[in-house]
Amino acid sequence: MHPPALYQDSTGLAHCRIASTSDDAALAWIVLSHFGDLATVQDCVDSDLLSRILGSLEALEFKFIEYDYLVSHTYDGKCPALAGGTWASRYFALEVDWSAKVSVE
């Protein structure tokens, strides 16, 4: 268990697991960002389910960003303490992974 202070500066707001009723297997993870209107979907291989999820996110006016894109791009923006990580870490992390380049003290 991580101390609550670790989550204080997190960029991920919430995540939701969609599971099968037959075996409780995860069918998809929906992740929302603290940045208010960003959302991504992780590990969804069912194209019909993904289409329904994306339709719901669009109806709620979320901006969808593909998870594979988020994990394959390095963040080098305005926050130097988070530079060097992925966009997924910068915008959707439930725990902050500070860069070793910048002291947070």
Protein backbone atom coordinates (compact mmCIF):
# COMPACT_ATOMS: atom_id res chain seq x y z
CA MET A 1 0.00 0.00 0.00
CA HIS A 2 1.32 3.43 -0.93
CA PRO A 3 0.99 6.46 1.35
CA PRO A 4 -1.73 8.96 0.32
CA ALA A 5 0.91 11.63 -0.36
CA LEU A 6 2.09 9.58 -3.34
CA TYR A 7 -1.25 10.20 -5.06
CA GLN A 8 -1.38 13.93 -4.30
CA ASP A 9 0.21 14.95 -7.60
CA SER A 10 -1.06 12.05 -9.68
CA THR A 11 -2.29 12.74 -13.17
CA GLY A 12 -4.69 9.81 -13.40
CA LEU A 13 -8.15 10.50 -12.03
CA ALA A 14 -9.76 7.08 -12.10
CA HIS A 15 -9.77 3.76 -13.83
CA CYS A 16 -12.55 1.26 -14.36
CA ARG A 17 -12.25 -2.42 -15.21
CA ILE A 18 -14.85 -3.98 -17.46
CA ALA A 19 -15.06 -7.68 -16.65
CA SER A 20 -16.75 -10.77 -18.01
CA THR A 21 -19.55 -12.09 -15.80
CA SER A 22 -18.60 -15.69 -16.55
CA ASP A 23 -14.99 -15.70 -15.34
CA ASP A 24 -14.32 -12.17 -14.03
CA ALA A 25 -11.61 -11.68 -16.65
CA ALA A 26 -10.80 -8.07 -17.52
CA LEU A 27 -12.14 -7.19 -20.96
CA ALA A 28 -10.91 -3.60 -20.89
CA TRP A 29 -9.57 -0.86 -18.63
CA ILE A 30 -10.95 2.65 -19.03
CA VAL A 31 -8.63 5.32 -17.64
CA LEU A 32 -9.58 8.98 -17.12
CA SER A 33 -7.09 11.80 -16.64
CA HIS A 34 -6.94 14.56 -14.04
CA PHE A 35 -6.74 16.86 -17.04
CA GLY A 36 -10.51 16.63 -17.15
CA ASP A 37 -11.45 15.58 -20.62
CA LEU A 38 -8.86 12.95 -21.59
CA ALA A 39 -9.58 9.22 -21.66
CA THR A 40 -7.89 6.07 -22.88
CA VAL A 41 -8.78 2.39 -23.05
CA GLN A 42 -6.23 -0.30 -22.26
CA ASP A 43 -6.25 -4.03 -23.11
CA CYS A 44 -9.52 -4.17 -25.07
CA VAL A 45 -9.33 -6.71 -27.90
CA ASP A 46 -13.09 -6.90 -28.55
CA SER A 47 -13.75 -4.37 -31.34
CA ASP A 48 -17.51 -4.23 -30.63
CA LEU A 49 -16.92 -3.51 -26.94
CA LEU A 50 -14.29 -0.90 -27.78
CA SER A 51 -16.71 0.79 -30.18
CA ARG A 52 -19.39 0.95 -27.46
CA ILE A 53 -16.89 2.32 -24.93
CA LEU A 54 -15.69 4.98 -27.37
CA GLY A 55 -19.29 5.95 -28.13
CA SER A 56 -19.95 6.41 -24.40
CA LEU A 57 -16.76 8.45 -23.92
CA GLU A 58 -17.68 10.64 -26.89
CA ALA A 59 -21.20 11.18 -25.53
CA LEU A 60 -19.63 12.33 -22.27
CA GLU A 61 -17.35 14.67 -24.28
CA PHE A 62 -14.06 12.95 -23.39
CA LYS A 63 -11.16 13.24 -25.82
CA PHE A 64 -9.96 9.71 -26.54
CA ILE A 65 -6.24 9.02 -26.97
CA GLU A 66 -5.12 5.53 -28.01
CA TYR A 67 -3.24 3.75 -25.24
CA ASP A 68 -0.53 2.43 -27.60
CA TYR A 69 0.17 6.02 -28.64
CA LEU A 70 0.44 7.13 -24.99
CA VAL A 71 2.95 4.44 -24.03
CA SER A 72 5.09 4.87 -27.14
CA HIS A 73 5.69 8.64 -26.86
CA THR A 74 8.09 10.30 -24.44
CA TYR A 75 6.83 13.30 -22.49
CA ASP A 76 9.11 16.32 -22.84
CA GLY A 77 6.70 19.11 -21.96
CA LYS A 78 6.53 21.90 -19.41
CA CYS A 79 6.86 19.77 -16.25
CA PRO A 80 10.57 18.85 -15.99
CA ALA A 81 9.99 16.51 -13.04
CA LEU A 82 7.94 14.24 -15.29
CA ALA A 83 10.05 14.59 -18.46
CA GLY A 84 11.48 11.37 -19.83
CA GLY A 85 8.48 9.24 -18.94
CA THR A 86 5.72 8.30 -21.33
CA TRP A 87 2.65 10.34 -22.12
CA ALA A 88 0.70 7.60 -20.30
CA SER A 89 2.67 8.34 -17.13
CA ARG A 90 2.30 12.10 -17.55
CA TYR A 91 -1.44 12.24 -18.19
CA PHE A 92 -2.91 9.00 -16.82
CA ALA A 93 -0.70 7.74 -13.96
CA LEU A 94 -2.42 6.96 -10.68
CA GLU A 95 0.99 7.21 -9.03
CA VAL A 96 3.57 9.85 -9.89
CA ASP A 97 6.85 8.51 -11.26
CA TRP A 98 9.17 11.47 -10.81
CA SER A 99 12.17 11.79 -13.08
CA ALA A 100 15.53 11.28 -11.36
CA LYS A 101 16.74 14.43 -13.18
CA VAL A 102 14.78 16.81 -10.95
CA SER A 103 14.67 16.88 -7.16
CA VAL A 104 11.14 17.11 -5.70
CA GLU A 105 12.32 18.26 -2.28
